PDB file of all heavy atoms in Angstrom:
ATOM      1  N   LYS A   1       0.835  -1.172  -0.020  1.00  0.00           N
ATOM      2  CA  LYS A   1       0.027  -0.074   0.001  1.00  0.00           C
ATOM      3  C   LYS A   1       0.868   1.328   0.022  1.00  0.00           C
ATOM      4  O   LYS A   1       1.960   1.183   0.578  1.00  0.00           O
ATOM      5  CB  LYS A   1      -0.889   0.056   1.238  1.00  0.00           C
ATOM      6  CG  LYS A   1      -1.920   1.120   1.300  1.00  0.00           C
ATOM      7  CD  LYS A   1      -2.806   0.852   2.517  1.00  0.00           C
ATOM      8  CE  LYS A   1      -3.833   1.963   2.394  1.00  0.00           C
ATOM      9  NZ  LYS A   1      -4.914   1.703   3.520  1.00  0.00           N
ATOM     10  N   MET A   2       0.362   2.290  -0.631  1.00  0.00           N
ATOM     11  CA  MET A   2       1.093   3.623  -0.509  1.00  0.00           C
ATOM     12  C   MET A   2       0.534   4.360   0.667  1.00  0.00           C
ATOM     13  O   MET A   2      -0.774   4.545   0.764  1.00  0.00           O
ATOM     14  CB  MET A   2       0.789   4.395  -1.815  1.00  0.00           C
ATOM     15  CG  MET A   2       1.574   5.673  -1.941  1.00  0.00           C
ATOM     16  SD  MET A   2       3.347   5.409  -2.122  1.00  0.00           S
ATOM     17  CE  MET A   2       3.399   4.883  -3.809  1.00  0.00           C
ATOM     18  N   LEU A   3       1.429   4.868   1.497  1.00  0.00           N
ATOM     19  CA  LEU A   3       1.025   5.679   2.649  1.00  0.00           C
ATOM     20  C   LEU A   3       1.651   7.053   2.562  1.00  0.00           C
ATOM     21  O   LEU A   3       2.705   7.188   2.048  1.00  0.00           O
ATOM     22  CB  LEU A   3       1.522   4.930   3.977  1.00  0.00           C
ATOM     23  CG  LEU A   3       1.001   3.567   4.243  1.00  0.00           C
ATOM     24  CD1 LEU A   3       1.622   2.984   5.503  1.00  0.00           C
ATOM     25  CD2 LEU A   3      -0.481   3.646   4.441  1.00  0.00           C
ATOM     26  N   LYS A   4       0.954   8.006   3.266  1.00  0.00           N
ATOM     27  CA  LYS A   4       1.482   9.254   3.344  1.00  0.00           C
ATOM     28  C   LYS A   4       1.792   9.593   4.790  1.00  0.00           C
ATOM     29  O   LYS A   4       0.895   9.514   5.634  1.00  0.00           O
ATOM     30  CB  LYS A   4       0.508  10.322   2.779  1.00  0.00           C
ATOM     31  CG  LYS A   4       1.116  11.714   2.662  1.00  0.00           C
ATOM     32  CD  LYS A   4       0.261  12.704   2.011  1.00  0.00           C
ATOM     33  CE  LYS A   4       0.648  12.879   0.529  1.00  0.00           C
ATOM     34  NZ  LYS A   4       0.095  13.932  -0.146  1.00  0.00           N
ATOM     35  N   THR A   5       2.966   9.990   5.165  1.00  0.00           N
ATOM     36  CA  THR A   5       3.271  10.215   6.554  1.00  0.00           C
ATOM     37  C   THR A   5       2.835  11.574   7.059  1.00  0.00           C
ATOM     38  O   THR A   5       2.303  12.379   6.230  1.00  0.00           O
ATOM     39  CB  THR A   5       4.780  10.177   6.814  1.00  0.00           C
ATOM     40  OG1 THR A   5       5.385  11.374   6.088  1.00  0.00           O
ATOM     41  CG2 THR A   5       5.444   8.844   6.219  1.00  0.00           C
ATOM     42  N   GLN A   6       2.915  11.764   8.330  1.00  0.00           N
ATOM     43  CA  GLN A   6       2.478  13.152   8.939  1.00  0.00           C
ATOM     44  C   GLN A   6       3.274  14.332   8.234  1.00  0.00           C
ATOM     45  O   GLN A   6       2.724  15.396   8.093  1.00  0.00           O
ATOM     46  CB  GLN A   6       2.685  13.170  10.450  1.00  0.00           C
ATOM     47  CG  GLN A   6       1.620  12.229  11.175  1.00  0.00           C
ATOM     48  CD  GLN A   6       1.830  12.052  12.586  1.00  0.00           C
ATOM     49  OE1 GLN A   6       2.876  12.639  13.162  1.00  0.00           O
ATOM     50  NE2 GLN A   6       0.946  11.381  13.323  1.00  0.00           N
ATOM     51  N   SER A   7       4.467  14.073   7.852  1.00  0.00           N
ATOM     52  CA  SER A   7       5.233  15.119   7.234  1.00  0.00           C
ATOM     53  C   SER A   7       4.993  15.264   5.743  1.00  0.00           C
ATOM     54  O   SER A   7       5.428  16.148   5.093  1.00  0.00           O
ATOM     55  CB  SER A   7       6.739  14.992   7.371  1.00  0.00           C
ATOM     56  OG  SER A   7       7.232  13.876   6.727  1.00  0.00           O
ATOM     57  N   GLY A   8       4.092  14.411   5.139  1.00  0.00           N
ATOM     58  CA  GLY A   8       3.770  14.433   3.786  1.00  0.00           C
ATOM     59  C   GLY A   8       4.604  13.521   2.884  1.00  0.00           C
ATOM     60  O   GLY A   8       4.413  13.480   1.672  1.00  0.00           O
ATOM     61  N   LEU A   9       5.498  12.827   3.441  1.00  0.00           N
ATOM     62  CA  LEU A   9       6.337  11.845   2.673  1.00  0.00           C
ATOM     63  C   LEU A   9       5.543  10.629   2.195  1.00  0.00           C
ATOM     64  O   LEU A   9       4.802  10.055   2.941  1.00  0.00           O
ATOM     65  CB  LEU A   9       7.510  11.335   3.442  1.00  0.00           C
ATOM     66  CG  LEU A   9       8.430  10.301   2.848  1.00  0.00           C
ATOM     67  CD1 LEU A   9       9.227  10.978   1.776  1.00  0.00           C
ATOM     68  CD2 LEU A   9       9.384   9.757   3.895  1.00  0.00           C
ATOM     69  N   GLU A  10       5.588  10.313   0.910  1.00  0.00           N
ATOM     70  CA  GLU A  10       4.973   9.104   0.432  1.00  0.00           C
ATOM     71  C   GLU A  10       5.869   7.946   0.614  1.00  0.00           C
ATOM     72  O   GLU A  10       7.019   8.040   0.154  1.00  0.00           O
ATOM     73  CB  GLU A  10       4.516   9.272  -1.016  1.00  0.00           C
ATOM     74  CG  GLU A  10       3.399  10.195  -1.097  1.00  0.00           C
ATOM     75  CD  GLU A  10       2.730  10.218  -2.574  1.00  0.00           C
ATOM     76  OE1 GLU A  10       3.511  10.064  -3.517  1.00  0.00           O
ATOM     77  OE2 GLU A  10       1.533  10.409  -2.684  1.00  0.00           O
ATOM     78  N   VAL A  11       5.340   6.768   1.057  1.00  0.00           N
ATOM     79  CA  VAL A  11       6.144   5.614   1.324  1.00  0.00           C
ATOM     80  C   VAL A  11       5.401   4.446   0.708  1.00  0.00           C
ATOM     81  O   VAL A  11       4.200   4.250   1.019  1.00  0.00           O
ATOM     82  CB  VAL A  11       6.325   5.329   2.802  1.00  0.00           C
ATOM     83  CG1 VAL A  11       7.255   4.053   3.012  1.00  0.00           C
ATOM     84  CG2 VAL A  11       7.189   6.523   3.416  1.00  0.00           C
ATOM     85  N   LEU A  12       5.990   3.590  -0.118  1.00  0.00           N
ATOM     86  CA  LEU A  12       5.342   2.447  -0.576  1.00  0.00           C
ATOM     87  C   LEU A  12       5.688   1.356   0.444  1.00  0.00           C
ATOM     88  O   LEU A  12       6.806   0.942   0.623  1.00  0.00           O
ATOM     89  CB  LEU A  12       5.900   2.029  -2.042  1.00  0.00           C
ATOM     90  CG  LEU A  12       5.492   0.696  -2.450  1.00  0.00           C
ATOM     91  CD1 LEU A  12       3.921   0.685  -2.681  1.00  0.00           C
ATOM     92  CD2 LEU A  12       6.158   0.330  -3.688  1.00  0.00           C
ATOM     93  N   VAL A  13       4.662   0.760   0.934  1.00  0.00           N
ATOM     94  CA  VAL A  13       4.767  -0.559   1.796  1.00  0.00           C
ATOM     95  C   VAL A  13       4.721  -1.731   0.895  1.00  0.00           C
ATOM     96  O   VAL A  13       3.739  -1.788   0.149  1.00  0.00           O
ATOM     97  CB  VAL A  13       3.646  -0.559   2.941  1.00  0.00           C
ATOM     98  CG1 VAL A  13       3.864  -1.742   3.784  1.00  0.00           C
ATOM     99  CG2 VAL A  13       3.684   0.657   3.709  1.00  0.00           C
ATOM    100  N   ASP A  14       5.714  -2.589   1.007  1.00  0.00           N
ATOM    101  CA  ASP A  14       5.752  -3.819   0.154  1.00  0.00           C
ATOM    102  C   ASP A  14       6.321  -4.913   0.998  1.00  0.00           C
ATOM    103  O   ASP A  14       7.476  -5.296   0.927  1.00  0.00           O
ATOM    104  CB  ASP A  14       6.631  -3.569  -1.144  1.00  0.00           C
ATOM    105  CG  ASP A  14       6.425  -4.681  -2.071  1.00  0.00           C
ATOM    106  OD1 ASP A  14       5.625  -5.599  -1.919  1.00  0.00           O
ATOM    107  OD2 ASP A  14       7.370  -4.751  -2.956  1.00  0.00           O
ATOM    108  N   LEU A  15       5.494  -5.419   2.005  1.00  0.00           N
ATOM    109  CA  LEU A  15       5.869  -6.397   2.888  1.00  0.00           C
ATOM    110  C   LEU A  15       5.868  -7.811   2.207  1.00  0.00           C
ATOM    111  O   LEU A  15       4.992  -8.003   1.353  1.00  0.00           O
ATOM    112  CB  LEU A  15       5.043  -6.413   4.092  1.00  0.00           C
ATOM    113  CG  LEU A  15       5.075  -5.035   4.808  1.00  0.00           C
ATOM    114  CD1 LEU A  15       4.055  -5.051   6.040  1.00  0.00           C
ATOM    115  CD2 LEU A  15       6.505  -4.763   5.465  1.00  0.00           C
ATOM    116  N   PRO A  16       6.601  -8.811   2.713  1.00  0.00           N
ATOM    117  CA  PRO A  16       6.574 -10.166   2.126  1.00  0.00           C
ATOM    118  C   PRO A  16       5.316 -10.819   2.301  1.00  0.00           C
ATOM    119  O   PRO A  16       4.953 -11.719   1.487  1.00  0.00           O
ATOM    120  CB  PRO A  16       7.738 -10.890   2.758  1.00  0.00           C
ATOM    121  CG  PRO A  16       8.387  -9.935   3.679  1.00  0.00           C
ATOM    122  CD  PRO A  16       7.610  -8.640   3.665  1.00  0.00           C
ATOM    123  N   LYS A  17       4.518 -10.522   3.366  1.00  0.00           N
ATOM    124  CA  LYS A  17       3.245 -11.106   3.643  1.00  0.00           C
ATOM    125  C   LYS A  17       2.276 -10.080   4.351  1.00  0.00           C
ATOM    126  O   LYS A  17       2.809  -9.183   4.892  1.00  0.00           O
ATOM    127  CB  LYS A  17       3.379 -12.411   4.478  1.00  0.00           C
ATOM    128  CG  LYS A  17       3.914 -12.117   5.929  1.00  0.00           C
ATOM    129  CD  LYS A  17       4.082 -13.488   6.568  1.00  0.00           C
ATOM    130  CE  LYS A  17       4.614 -13.122   7.936  1.00  0.00           C
ATOM    131  NZ  LYS A  17       4.663 -14.390   8.785  1.00  0.00           N
ATOM    132  N   THR A  18       1.053 -10.371   4.265  1.00  0.00           N
ATOM    133  CA  THR A  18       0.101  -9.464   4.943  1.00  0.00           C
ATOM    134  C   THR A  18       0.468  -9.423   6.348  1.00  0.00           C
ATOM    135  O   THR A  18       0.656 -10.555   7.057  1.00  0.00           O
ATOM    136  CB  THR A  18      -1.331  -9.860   4.697  1.00  0.00           C
ATOM    137  OG1 THR A  18      -1.542  -9.902   3.307  1.00  0.00           O
ATOM    138  CG2 THR A  18      -2.284  -8.961   5.348  1.00  0.00           C
ATOM    139  N   THR A  19       0.516  -8.305   7.057  1.00  0.00           N
ATOM    140  CA  THR A  19       1.009  -8.193   8.423  1.00  0.00           C
ATOM    141  C   THR A  19       0.130  -7.186   9.241  1.00  0.00           C
ATOM    142  O   THR A  19      -0.426  -6.205   8.650  1.00  0.00           O
ATOM    143  CB  THR A  19       2.406  -7.558   8.408  1.00  0.00           C
ATOM    144  OG1 THR A  19       3.252  -8.390   7.667  1.00  0.00           O
ATOM    145  CG2 THR A  19       2.941  -7.399   9.787  1.00  0.00           C
ATOM    146  N   SER A  20      -0.084  -7.609  10.535  1.00  0.00           N
ATOM    147  CA  SER A  20      -0.860  -6.704  11.355  1.00  0.00           C
ATOM    148  C   SER A  20       0.128  -5.844  12.108  1.00  0.00           C
ATOM    149  O   SER A  20       0.931  -6.326  13.006  1.00  0.00           O
ATOM    150  CB  SER A  20      -1.613  -7.654  12.366  1.00  0.00           C
ATOM    151  OG  SER A  20      -2.338  -6.796  13.248  1.00  0.00           O
ATOM    152  N   LEU A  21       0.062  -4.581  11.879  1.00  0.00           N
ATOM    153  CA  LEU A  21       0.883  -3.644  12.577  1.00  0.00           C
ATOM    154  C   LEU A  21       0.253  -3.155  13.841  1.00  0.00           C
ATOM    155  O   LEU A  21      -0.836  -2.893  13.974  1.00  0.00           O
ATOM    156  CB  LEU A  21       1.186  -2.425  11.647  1.00  0.00           C
ATOM    157  CG  LEU A  21       1.807  -2.758  10.216  1.00  0.00           C
ATOM    158  CD1 LEU A  21       1.828  -1.460   9.320  1.00  0.00           C
ATOM    159  CD2 LEU A  21       3.162  -3.295  10.312  1.00  0.00           C
ATOM    160  N   MET A  22       1.182  -3.007  14.939  1.00  0.00           N
ATOM    161  CA  MET A  22       0.600  -2.569  16.062  1.00  0.00           C
ATOM    162  C   MET A  22       1.100  -1.079  16.363  1.00  0.00           C
ATOM    163  O   MET A  22       2.107  -0.671  15.808  1.00  0.00           O
ATOM    164  CB  MET A  22       1.279  -3.504  17.310  1.00  0.00           C
ATOM    165  CG  MET A  22       0.864  -4.966  17.081  1.00  0.00           C
ATOM    166  SD  MET A  22      -0.844  -5.225  17.244  1.00  0.00           S
ATOM    167  CE  MET A  22      -1.036  -4.678  18.995  1.00  0.00           C
ATOM    168  N   ASP A  23       0.366  -0.513  17.234  1.00  0.00           N
ATOM    169  CA  ASP A  23       0.754   0.956  17.620  1.00  0.00           C
ATOM    170  C   ASP A  23       2.181   0.805  18.284  1.00  0.00           C
ATOM    171  O   ASP A  23       2.448  -0.016  19.156  1.00  0.00           O
ATOM    172  CB  ASP A  23      -0.248   1.464  18.647  1.00  0.00           C
ATOM    173  CG  ASP A  23      -0.004   2.876  19.112  1.00  0.00           C
ATOM    174  OD1 ASP A  23      -0.181   3.734  18.332  1.00  0.00           O
ATOM    175  OD2 ASP A  23       0.411   3.053  20.258  1.00  0.00           O
ATOM    176  N   GLY A  24       3.069   1.632  17.770  1.00  0.00           N
ATOM    177  CA  GLY A  24       4.450   1.582  18.358  1.00  0.00           C
ATOM    178  C   GLY A  24       5.411   0.848  17.337  1.00  0.00           C
ATOM    179  O   GLY A  24       6.607   0.989  17.531  1.00  0.00           O
ATOM    180  N   ASP A  25       5.000   0.002  16.430  1.00  0.00           N
ATOM    181  CA  ASP A  25       5.818  -0.561  15.470  1.00  0.00           C
ATOM    182  C   ASP A  25       6.287   0.434  14.513  1.00  0.00           C
ATOM    183  O   ASP A  25       5.794   1.677  14.547  1.00  0.00           O
ATOM    184  CB  ASP A  25       5.014  -1.666  14.695  1.00  0.00           C
ATOM    185  CG  ASP A  25       4.729  -2.945  15.482  1.00  0.00           C
ATOM    186  OD1 ASP A  25       5.272  -3.030  16.570  1.00  0.00           O
ATOM    187  OD2 ASP A  25       4.015  -3.719  15.094  1.00  0.00           O
ATOM    188  N   ALA A  26       7.306   0.053  13.688  1.00  0.00           N
ATOM    189  CA  ALA A  26       7.642   0.954  12.539  1.00  0.00           C
ATOM    190  C   ALA A  26       7.969   0.187  11.329  1.00  0.00           C
ATOM    191  O   ALA A  26       8.188  -1.009  11.368  1.00  0.00           O
ATOM    192  CB  ALA A  26       9.018   1.652  12.987  1.00  0.00           C
ATOM    193  N   LEU A  27       7.778   0.955  10.191  1.00  0.00           N
ATOM    194  CA  LEU A  27       8.156   0.390   8.842  1.00  0.00           C
ATOM    195  C   LEU A  27       9.471   0.932   8.590  1.00  0.00           C
ATOM    196  O   LEU A  27       9.790   2.148   8.726  1.00  0.00           O
ATOM    197  CB  LEU A  27       7.105   0.799   7.872  1.00  0.00           C
ATOM    198  CG  LEU A  27       5.682   0.371   8.108  1.00  0.00           C
ATOM    199  CD1 LEU A  27       4.768   1.079   7.169  1.00  0.00           C
ATOM    200  CD2 LEU A  27       5.660  -1.024   7.706  1.00  0.00           C
ATOM    201  N   GLU A  28      10.448   0.063   8.203  1.00  0.00           N
ATOM    202  CA  GLU A  28      11.746   0.435   7.882  1.00  0.00           C
ATOM    203  C   GLU A  28      11.979   0.482   6.343  1.00  0.00           C
ATOM    204  O   GLU A  28      11.679  -0.504   5.694  1.00  0.00           O
ATOM    205  CB  GLU A  28      12.781  -0.402   8.498  1.00  0.00           C
ATOM    206  CG  GLU A  28      14.213   0.154   8.391  1.00  0.00           C
ATOM    207  CD  GLU A  28      15.231  -0.643   9.306  1.00  0.00           C
ATOM    208  OE1 GLU A  28      15.299  -0.289  10.470  1.00  0.00           O
ATOM    209  OE2 GLU A  28      15.865  -1.512   8.671  1.00  0.00           O
ATOM    210  N   THR A  29      12.380   1.546   5.797  1.00  0.00           N
ATOM    211  CA  THR A  29      12.484   1.750   4.359  1.00  0.00           C
ATOM    212  C   THR A  29      13.912   1.333   3.836  1.00  0.00           C
ATOM    213  O   THR A  29      14.822   1.124   4.652  1.00  0.00           O
ATOM    214  CB  THR A  29      12.262   3.236   3.871  1.00  0.00           C
ATOM    215  OG1 THR A  29      13.363   3.997   4.401  1.00  0.00           O
ATOM    216  CG2 THR A  29      10.924   3.681   4.365  1.00  0.00           C
ATOM    217  N   ASN A  30      13.986   1.202   2.465  1.00  0.00           N
ATOM    218  CA  ASN A  30      15.176   0.646   2.034  1.00  0.00           C
ATOM    219  C   ASN A  30      16.362   1.671   2.146  1.00  0.00           C
ATOM    220  O   ASN A  30      17.563   1.282   2.092  1.00  0.00           O
ATOM    221  CB  ASN A  30      14.983   0.390   0.465  1.00  0.00           C
ATOM    222  CG  ASN A  30      14.390   1.581  -0.367  1.00  0.00           C
ATOM    223  OD1 ASN A  30      13.846   2.512   0.352  1.00  0.00           O
ATOM    224  ND2 ASN A  30      14.387   1.491  -1.604  1.00  0.00           N
ATOM    225  N   ASP A  31      15.999   2.974   2.455  1.00  0.00           N
ATOM    226  CA  ASP A  31      17.149   3.857   2.706  1.00  0.00           C
ATOM    227  C   ASP A  31      17.198   4.247   4.237  1.00  0.00           C
ATOM    228  O   ASP A  31      17.894   5.203   4.535  1.00  0.00           O
ATOM    229  CB  ASP A  31      16.864   5.162   1.884  1.00  0.00           C
ATOM    230  CG  ASP A  31      15.506   5.887   2.178  1.00  0.00           C
ATOM    231  OD1 ASP A  31      14.698   5.207   2.912  1.00  0.00           O
ATOM    232  OD2 ASP A  31      15.174   6.877   1.595  1.00  0.00           O
ATOM    233  N   GLY A  32      16.740   3.372   5.050  1.00  0.00           N
ATOM    234  CA  GLY A  32      16.990   3.460   6.542  1.00  0.00           C
ATOM    235  C   GLY A  32      15.974   4.250   7.330  1.00  0.00           C
ATOM    236  O   GLY A  32      16.194   4.425   8.542  1.00  0.00           O
ATOM    237  N   LEU A  33      15.025   4.931   6.710  1.00  0.00           N
ATOM    238  CA  LEU A  33      13.988   5.714   7.463  1.00  0.00           C
ATOM    239  C   LEU A  33      13.117   4.679   8.237  1.00  0.00           C
ATOM    240  O   LEU A  33      12.811   3.639   7.846  1.00  0.00           O
ATOM    241  CB  LEU A  33      13.169   6.415   6.540  1.00  0.00           C
ATOM    242  CG  LEU A  33      13.817   7.549   5.717  1.00  0.00           C
ATOM    243  CD1 LEU A  33      12.802   8.105   4.768  1.00  0.00           C
ATOM    244  CD2 LEU A  33      14.384   8.621   6.552  1.00  0.00           C
ATOM    245  N   ARG A  34      12.743   5.205   9.476  1.00  0.00           N
ATOM    246  CA  ARG A  34      11.742   4.422  10.269  1.00  0.00           C
ATOM    247  C   ARG A  34      10.442   5.201  10.434  1.00  0.00           C
ATOM    248  O   ARG A  34      10.525   6.222  10.929  1.00  0.00           O
ATOM    249  CB  ARG A  34      12.392   4.046  11.647  1.00  0.00           C
ATOM    250  CG  ARG A  34      13.346   2.866  11.533  1.00  0.00           C
ATOM    251  CD  ARG A  34      13.682   2.358  12.931  1.00  0.00           C
ATOM    252  NE  ARG A  34      14.468   1.195  12.807  1.00  0.00           N
ATOM    253  CZ  ARG A  34      14.955   0.497  13.801  1.00  0.00           C
ATOM    254  NH1 ARG A  34      14.623   0.839  15.026  1.00  0.00           N
ATOM    255  NH2 ARG A  34      15.694  -0.523  13.653  1.00  0.00           N
ATOM    256  N   ILE A  35       9.470   4.670   9.886  1.00  0.00           N
ATOM    257  CA  ILE A  35       8.179   5.314   9.975  1.00  0.00           C
ATOM    258  C   ILE A  35       7.376   4.669  11.062  1.00  0.00           C
ATOM    259  O   ILE A  35       6.912   3.626  10.983  1.00  0.00           O
ATOM    260  CB  ILE A  35       7.405   5.238   8.650  1.00  0.00           C
ATOM    261  CG1 ILE A  35       8.231   5.545   7.406  1.00  0.00           C
ATOM    262  CG2 ILE A  35       6.032   5.982   8.620  1.00  0.00           C
ATOM    263  CD1 ILE A  35       8.847   7.008   7.440  1.00  0.00           C
ATOM    264  N   GLY A  36       7.136   5.474  12.213  1.00  0.00           N
ATOM    265  CA  GLY A  36       6.310   4.926  13.314  1.00  0.00           C
ATOM    266  C   GLY A  36       4.851   4.714  13.095  1.00  0.00           C
ATOM    267  O   GLY A  36       4.310   5.519  12.325  1.00  0.00           O
ATOM    268  N   ILE A  37       4.289   3.692  13.591  1.00  0.00           N
ATOM    269  CA  ILE A  37       2.911   3.439  13.381  1.00  0.00           C
ATOM    270  C   ILE A  37       2.136   3.889  14.650  1.00  0.00           C
ATOM    271  O   ILE A  37       2.411   3.572  15.695  1.00  0.00           O
ATOM    272  CB  ILE A  37       2.591   1.870  13.208  1.00  0.00           C
ATOM    273  CG1 ILE A  37       3.433   1.365  12.038  1.00  0.00           C
ATOM    274  CG2 ILE A  37       1.104   1.693  13.085  1.00  0.00           C
ATOM    275  CD1 ILE A  37       3.142   1.950  10.674  1.00  0.00           C
ATOM    276  N   CYS A  38       1.087   4.733  14.344  1.00  0.00           N
ATOM    277  CA  CYS A  38       0.222   5.240  15.472  1.00  0.00           C
ATOM    278  C   CYS A  38      -1.162   4.774  15.284  1.00  0.00           C
ATOM    279  O   CYS A  38      -1.690   4.878  14.143  1.00  0.00           O
ATOM    280  CB  CYS A  38       0.258   6.798  15.487  1.00  0.00           C
ATOM    281  SG  CYS A  38       1.833   7.504  15.769  1.00  0.00           S
ATOM    282  N   ALA A  39      -1.816   4.263  16.296  1.00  0.00           N
ATOM    283  CA  ALA A  39      -3.207   3.814  16.121  1.00  0.00           C
ATOM    284  C   ALA A  39      -4.084   5.034  16.136  1.00  0.00           C
ATOM    285  O   ALA A  39      -4.033   5.887  17.015  1.00  0.00           O
ATOM    286  CB  ALA A  39      -3.574   2.883  17.328  1.00  0.00           C
ATOM    287  N   ALA A  40      -4.903   5.156  15.121  1.00  0.00           N
ATOM    288  CA  ALA A  40      -5.839   6.308  15.034  1.00  0.00           C
ATOM    289  C   ALA A  40      -7.091   6.057  15.854  1.00  0.00           C
ATOM    290  O   ALA A  40      -7.595   5.024  15.999  1.00  0.00           O
ATOM    291  CB  ALA A  40      -6.311   6.446  13.462  1.00  0.00           C
ATOM    292  N   PRO A  41      -7.606   7.257  16.468  1.00  0.00           N
ATOM    293  CA  PRO A  41      -8.864   7.089  17.089  1.00  0.00           C
ATOM    294  C   PRO A  41      -9.962   6.612  16.168  1.00  0.00           C
ATOM    295  O   PRO A  41     -10.025   7.081  15.016  1.00  0.00           O
ATOM    296  CB  PRO A  41      -9.154   8.485  17.587  1.00  0.00           C
ATOM    297  CG  PRO A  41      -7.843   9.202  17.582  1.00  0.00           C
ATOM    298  CD  PRO A  41      -7.093   8.510  16.474  1.00  0.00           C
TER     299      PRO A  41
END
């Protein structure tokens, strides 16, 4: 899925399998960025 971060950065999520992300996890990009996952109200 394509996601847009709070700062406006677009990130393509391409995980090997469907994954359940938890509040506090992060997605790590190919260039070393870590995008924190926040649970929305």
